[in-house]
Structure formats: structure tokens, C-alpha cells
Amino acid sequence: MARMVRKQVYIDERQDALLKERAELTGRTESELIRRAIDEAYDPMAAQRDFEERWAEYESGMRRLGDLIAEAGGLPRWNRDQRNARRPPE
């Protein structure tokens, strides 16, 4: 990660509420959201690279999850009645 530089910015109450809401919703820090917004507005190629890196991490995680499920013998098969009754297979 690049060296960070501390900045103070003034935003209005509406922007503050939006930022707090989005941070809560996404689980990201307000600072991270601000950095991403700057990248998207002023360096779209950096935003695209960031997206591609995050997507690659997601895909890698999904592959690992698939491998773990396969190693455990797969997932149980549910029939329609079990699924509708929300009962696990016997």
C-alpha cells in the first residue's frame, strides 16, 4: 500500500450522512470510500485496476471455497420437499 498523506476536508451534513451510511452499509472506512471516489473521479484507470484486483481476490476465494467443499465430499442434495420444509437431507 502506498504511503498515506493526512488531509482534512470540509463536507456538508448531507455528504457526511451519505458517507457514514455507505461506510456502514459496505463495512469500509469513510477514508477508504473517499480515496475510491477520488480515484474514480480523477484516475479512472486506477479505479479499474482496483476493481480488477478485488474481483481476482473474490474469484480466488470462491475457488478455495469450492475446493474445500469438494474435499469435504460435496454438498448434500436436497429434494423439493426438504427444501420447501427447510429440512436438511437425512
N, C-alpha and C. Protein backbone atom coordinates (compact mmCIF):
# COMPACT_ATOMS: atom_id res chain seq x y z
N MET A 1 0.84 -1.18 0.00
CA MET A 1 0.00 0.00 0.00
C MET A 1 0.89 1.24 0.00
N ALA A 2 0.46 2.23 -0.72
CA ALA A 2 1.22 3.48 -0.82
C ALA A 2 1.21 4.23 0.51
N ARG A 3 2.20 5.06 0.68
CA ARG A 3 2.28 5.90 1.87
C ARG A 3 1.10 6.86 1.88
N MET A 4 0.45 7.00 3.01
CA MET A 4 -0.73 7.85 3.12
C MET A 4 -0.34 9.25 3.58
N VAL A 5 -1.07 10.24 3.10
CA VAL A 5 -0.89 11.64 3.48
C VAL A 5 -2.20 12.08 4.13
N ARG A 6 -2.11 12.69 5.31
CA ARG A 6 -3.31 13.11 6.02
C ARG A 6 -3.86 14.40 5.42
N LYS A 7 -5.16 14.42 5.16
CA LYS A 7 -5.85 15.60 4.63
C LYS A 7 -7.08 15.85 5.47
N GLN A 8 -7.43 17.10 5.61
CA GLN A 8 -8.69 17.46 6.24
C GLN A 8 -9.56 18.11 5.18
N VAL A 9 -10.79 17.67 5.09
CA VAL A 9 -11.71 18.24 4.11
C VAL A 9 -13.00 18.63 4.83
N TYR A 10 -13.66 19.62 4.28
CA TYR A 10 -14.95 20.04 4.80
C TYR A 10 -16.04 19.53 3.86
N ILE A 11 -17.01 18.84 4.45
CA ILE A 11 -18.15 18.37 3.68
C ILE A 11 -19.41 18.83 4.41
N ASP A 12 -20.50 18.94 3.66
CA ASP A 12 -21.73 19.38 4.32
C ASP A 12 -22.40 18.20 5.03
N GLU A 13 -23.45 18.49 5.79
CA GLU A 13 -24.11 17.46 6.59
C GLU A 13 -24.72 16.35 5.72
N ARG A 14 -25.24 16.70 4.58
CA ARG A 14 -25.79 15.70 3.67
C ARG A 14 -24.71 14.73 3.21
N GLN A 15 -23.56 15.26 2.82
CA GLN A 15 -22.45 14.41 2.38
C GLN A 15 -21.95 13.55 3.53
N ASP A 16 -21.90 14.13 4.73
CA ASP A 16 -21.46 13.37 5.90
C ASP A 16 -22.40 12.20 6.16
N ALA A 17 -23.70 12.46 6.07
CA ALA A 17 -24.68 11.39 6.29
C ALA A 17 -24.55 10.30 5.23
N LEU A 18 -24.38 10.72 3.96
CA LEU A 18 -24.20 9.74 2.89
C LEU A 18 -22.96 8.88 3.11
N LEU A 19 -21.88 9.53 3.49
CA LEU A 19 -20.61 8.84 3.71
C LEU A 19 -20.74 7.84 4.85
N LYS A 20 -21.32 8.26 5.95
CA LYS A 20 -21.50 7.37 7.10
C LYS A 20 -22.40 6.19 6.76
N GLU A 21 -23.49 6.47 6.03
CA GLU A 21 -24.42 5.41 5.64
C GLU A 21 -23.73 4.39 4.75
N ARG A 22 -22.97 4.86 3.76
CA ARG A 22 -22.30 3.96 2.84
C ARG A 22 -21.21 3.16 3.55
N ALA A 23 -20.49 3.80 4.48
CA ALA A 23 -19.45 3.09 5.23
C ALA A 23 -20.08 1.97 6.06
N GLU A 24 -21.19 2.26 6.70
CA GLU A 24 -21.90 1.25 7.49
C GLU A 24 -22.40 0.12 6.59
N LEU A 25 -22.95 0.47 5.46
CA LEU A 25 -23.52 -0.50 4.54
C LEU A 25 -22.46 -1.43 3.96
N THR A 26 -21.29 -0.88 3.62
CA THR A 26 -20.26 -1.66 2.95
C THR A 26 -19.22 -2.25 3.89
N GLY A 27 -19.17 -1.75 5.12
CA GLY A 27 -18.15 -2.22 6.05
C GLY A 27 -16.77 -1.63 5.77
N ARG A 28 -16.72 -0.59 4.97
CA ARG A 28 -15.46 0.08 4.65
C ARG A 28 -15.35 1.35 5.48
N THR A 29 -14.14 1.85 5.61
CA THR A 29 -13.96 3.10 6.35
C THR A 29 -14.36 4.28 5.48
N GLU A 30 -14.69 5.38 6.14
CA GLU A 30 -15.00 6.59 5.39
C GLU A 30 -13.80 7.02 4.55
N SER A 31 -12.61 6.88 5.09
CA SER A 31 -11.40 7.25 4.35
C SER A 31 -11.25 6.43 3.09
N GLU A 32 -11.51 5.13 3.18
CA GLU A 32 -11.40 4.28 2.00
C GLU A 32 -12.40 4.70 0.93
N LEU A 33 -13.61 5.02 1.35
CA LEU A 33 -14.62 5.46 0.39
C LEU A 33 -14.21 6.76 -0.28
N ILE A 34 -13.63 7.67 0.47
CA ILE A 34 -13.17 8.94 -0.11
C ILE A 34 -12.05 8.69 -1.11
N ARG A 35 -11.10 7.81 -0.74
CA ARG A 35 -9.99 7.51 -1.67
C ARG A 35 -10.52 6.90 -2.96
N ARG A 36 -11.48 5.98 -2.84
CA ARG A 36 -12.05 5.37 -4.05
C ARG A 36 -12.78 6.39 -4.91
N ALA A 37 -13.51 7.29 -4.27
CA ALA A 37 -14.23 8.32 -5.03
C ALA A 37 -13.25 9.22 -5.78
N ILE A 38 -12.14 9.56 -5.14
CA ILE A 38 -11.13 10.38 -5.81
C ILE A 38 -10.56 9.63 -7.02
N ASP A 39 -10.23 8.36 -6.83
CA ASP A 39 -9.71 7.56 -7.94
C ASP A 39 -10.72 7.48 -9.09
N GLU A 40 -11.97 7.22 -8.76
CA GLU A 40 -12.98 7.10 -9.81
C GLU A 40 -13.18 8.41 -10.56
N ALA A 41 -13.09 9.53 -9.84
CA ALA A 41 -13.32 10.83 -10.47
C ALA A 41 -12.11 11.31 -11.26
N TYR A 42 -10.91 11.10 -10.73
CA TYR A 42 -9.72 11.72 -11.33
C TYR A 42 -8.72 10.75 -11.93
N ASP A 43 -8.87 9.45 -11.65
CA ASP A 43 -7.95 8.46 -12.22
C ASP A 43 -8.73 7.17 -12.48
N PRO A 44 -9.61 7.19 -13.49
CA PRO A 44 -10.46 6.02 -13.72
C PRO A 44 -9.68 4.73 -13.99
N MET A 45 -8.48 4.83 -14.53
CA MET A 45 -7.69 3.62 -14.77
C MET A 45 -7.28 2.99 -13.44
N ALA A 46 -6.96 3.80 -12.44
CA ALA A 46 -6.63 3.27 -11.12
C ALA A 46 -7.85 2.59 -10.51
N ALA A 47 -9.01 3.20 -10.68
CA ALA A 47 -10.24 2.60 -10.18
C ALA A 47 -10.50 1.27 -10.86
N GLN A 48 -10.26 1.17 -12.15
CA GLN A 48 -10.45 -0.08 -12.88
C GLN A 48 -9.48 -1.15 -12.39
N ARG A 49 -8.22 -0.76 -12.17
CA ARG A 49 -7.23 -1.72 -11.66
C ARG A 49 -7.65 -2.21 -10.27
N ASP A 50 -8.13 -1.29 -9.43
CA ASP A 50 -8.58 -1.67 -8.09
C ASP A 50 -9.73 -2.66 -8.17
N PHE A 51 -10.69 -2.38 -9.06
CA PHE A 51 -11.81 -3.29 -9.25
C PHE A 51 -11.32 -4.66 -9.70
N GLU A 52 -10.40 -4.71 -10.65
CA GLU A 52 -9.90 -5.98 -11.17
C GLU A 52 -9.16 -6.76 -10.08
N GLU A 53 -8.42 -6.06 -9.24
CA GLU A 53 -7.73 -6.73 -8.13
C GLU A 53 -8.73 -7.32 -7.14
N ARG A 54 -9.75 -6.54 -6.79
CA ARG A 54 -10.77 -7.03 -5.87
C ARG A 54 -11.53 -8.20 -6.47
N TRP A 55 -11.82 -8.15 -7.78
CA TRP A 55 -12.52 -9.25 -8.44
C TRP A 55 -11.66 -10.51 -8.43
N ALA A 56 -10.36 -10.35 -8.68
CA ALA A 56 -9.46 -11.51 -8.67
C ALA A 56 -9.43 -12.14 -7.27
N GLU A 57 -9.42 -11.31 -6.22
CA GLU A 57 -9.45 -11.83 -4.85
C GLU A 57 -10.75 -12.60 -4.60
N TYR A 58 -11.86 -12.05 -5.07
CA TYR A 58 -13.16 -12.71 -4.91
C TYR A 58 -13.15 -14.07 -5.61
N GLU A 59 -12.69 -14.10 -6.87
CA GLU A 59 -12.66 -15.35 -7.62
C GLU A 59 -11.78 -16.38 -6.93
N SER A 60 -10.64 -15.93 -6.44
CA SER A 60 -9.73 -16.84 -5.74
C SER A 60 -10.40 -17.42 -4.50
N GLY A 61 -11.09 -16.58 -3.77
CA GLY A 61 -11.80 -17.05 -2.58
C GLY A 61 -12.89 -18.05 -2.92
N MET A 62 -13.61 -17.80 -4.01
CA MET A 62 -14.66 -18.72 -4.43
C MET A 62 -14.07 -20.07 -4.86
N ARG A 63 -12.91 -20.02 -5.53
CA ARG A 63 -12.25 -21.28 -5.92
C ARG A 63 -11.82 -22.06 -4.68
N ARG A 64 -11.25 -21.36 -3.69
CA ARG A 64 -10.84 -22.03 -2.45
C ARG A 64 -12.05 -22.64 -1.75
N LEU A 65 -13.15 -21.90 -1.72
CA LEU A 65 -14.37 -22.42 -1.10
C LEU A 65 -14.84 -23.68 -1.83
N GLY A 66 -14.83 -23.64 -3.16
CA GLY A 66 -15.21 -24.81 -3.94
C GLY A 66 -14.32 -26.00 -3.65
N ASP A 67 -13.02 -25.75 -3.52
CA ASP A 67 -12.08 -26.82 -3.20
C ASP A 67 -12.38 -27.42 -1.83
N LEU A 68 -12.67 -26.57 -0.85
CA LEU A 68 -12.98 -27.05 0.50
C LEU A 68 -14.25 -27.89 0.50
N ILE A 69 -15.25 -27.45 -0.24
CA ILE A 69 -16.50 -28.21 -0.32
C ILE A 69 -16.25 -29.56 -0.99
N ALA A 70 -15.46 -29.56 -2.06
CA ALA A 70 -15.15 -30.82 -2.76
C ALA A 70 -14.37 -31.76 -1.84
N GLU A 71 -13.41 -31.23 -1.08
CA GLU A 71 -12.63 -32.06 -0.16
C GLU A 71 -13.51 -32.67 0.93
N ALA A 72 -14.57 -31.96 1.31
CA ALA A 72 -15.47 -32.45 2.35
C ALA A 72 -16.51 -33.42 1.80
N GLY A 73 -16.44 -33.72 0.52
CA GLY A 73 -17.37 -34.67 -0.07
C GLY A 73 -18.56 -34.03 -0.75
N GLY A 74 -18.50 -32.72 -0.94
CA GLY A 74 -19.58 -32.03 -1.63
C GLY A 74 -20.70 -31.61 -0.69
N LEU A 75 -21.68 -31.00 -1.26
CA LEU A 75 -22.84 -30.55 -0.50
C LEU A 75 -23.94 -31.59 -0.57
N PRO A 76 -24.74 -31.70 0.48
CA PRO A 76 -25.85 -32.66 0.42
C PRO A 76 -26.87 -32.21 -0.62
N ARG A 77 -27.52 -33.18 -1.25
CA ARG A 77 -28.55 -32.89 -2.25
C ARG A 77 -29.88 -32.76 -1.53
N TRP A 78 -30.62 -31.73 -1.83
CA TRP A 78 -31.94 -31.52 -1.25
C TRP A 78 -32.99 -31.83 -2.31
N ASN A 79 -34.06 -32.48 -1.88
CA ASN A 79 -35.17 -32.63 -2.82
C ASN A 79 -36.17 -31.50 -2.56
N ARG A 80 -37.15 -31.40 -3.41
CA ARG A 80 -38.10 -30.28 -3.34
C ARG A 80 -38.83 -30.24 -1.99
N ASP A 81 -39.26 -31.40 -1.49
CA ASP A 81 -40.00 -31.42 -0.22
C ASP A 81 -39.12 -30.94 0.93
N GLN A 82 -37.89 -31.39 0.98
CA GLN A 82 -36.98 -30.95 2.04
C GLN A 82 -36.72 -29.46 1.93
N ARG A 83 -36.53 -29.00 0.71
CA ARG A 83 -36.24 -27.58 0.50
C ARG A 83 -37.43 -26.73 0.94
N ASN A 84 -38.63 -27.14 0.57
CA ASN A 84 -39.83 -26.38 0.94
C ASN A 84 -40.09 -26.43 2.44
N ALA A 85 -39.78 -27.54 3.07
CA ALA A 85 -39.97 -27.68 4.51
C ALA A 85 -38.77 -27.14 5.28
N ARG A 86 -37.74 -26.77 4.55
CA ARG A 86 -36.49 -26.26 5.13
C ARG A 86 -35.86 -27.28 6.10
N ARG A 87 -35.95 -28.53 5.70
CA ARG A 87 -35.33 -29.61 6.46
C ARG A 87 -34.09 -30.08 5.72
N PRO A 88 -33.02 -30.36 6.46
CA PRO A 88 -31.83 -30.89 5.78
C PRO A 88 -32.06 -32.33 5.33
N PRO A 89 -31.31 -32.76 4.32
CA PRO A 89 -31.40 -34.16 3.87
C PRO A 89 -31.02 -35.11 5.00
N GLU A 90 -31.63 -36.27 5.01
CA GLU A 90 -31.34 -37.26 6.07
C GLU A 90 -30.17 -38.12 5.71
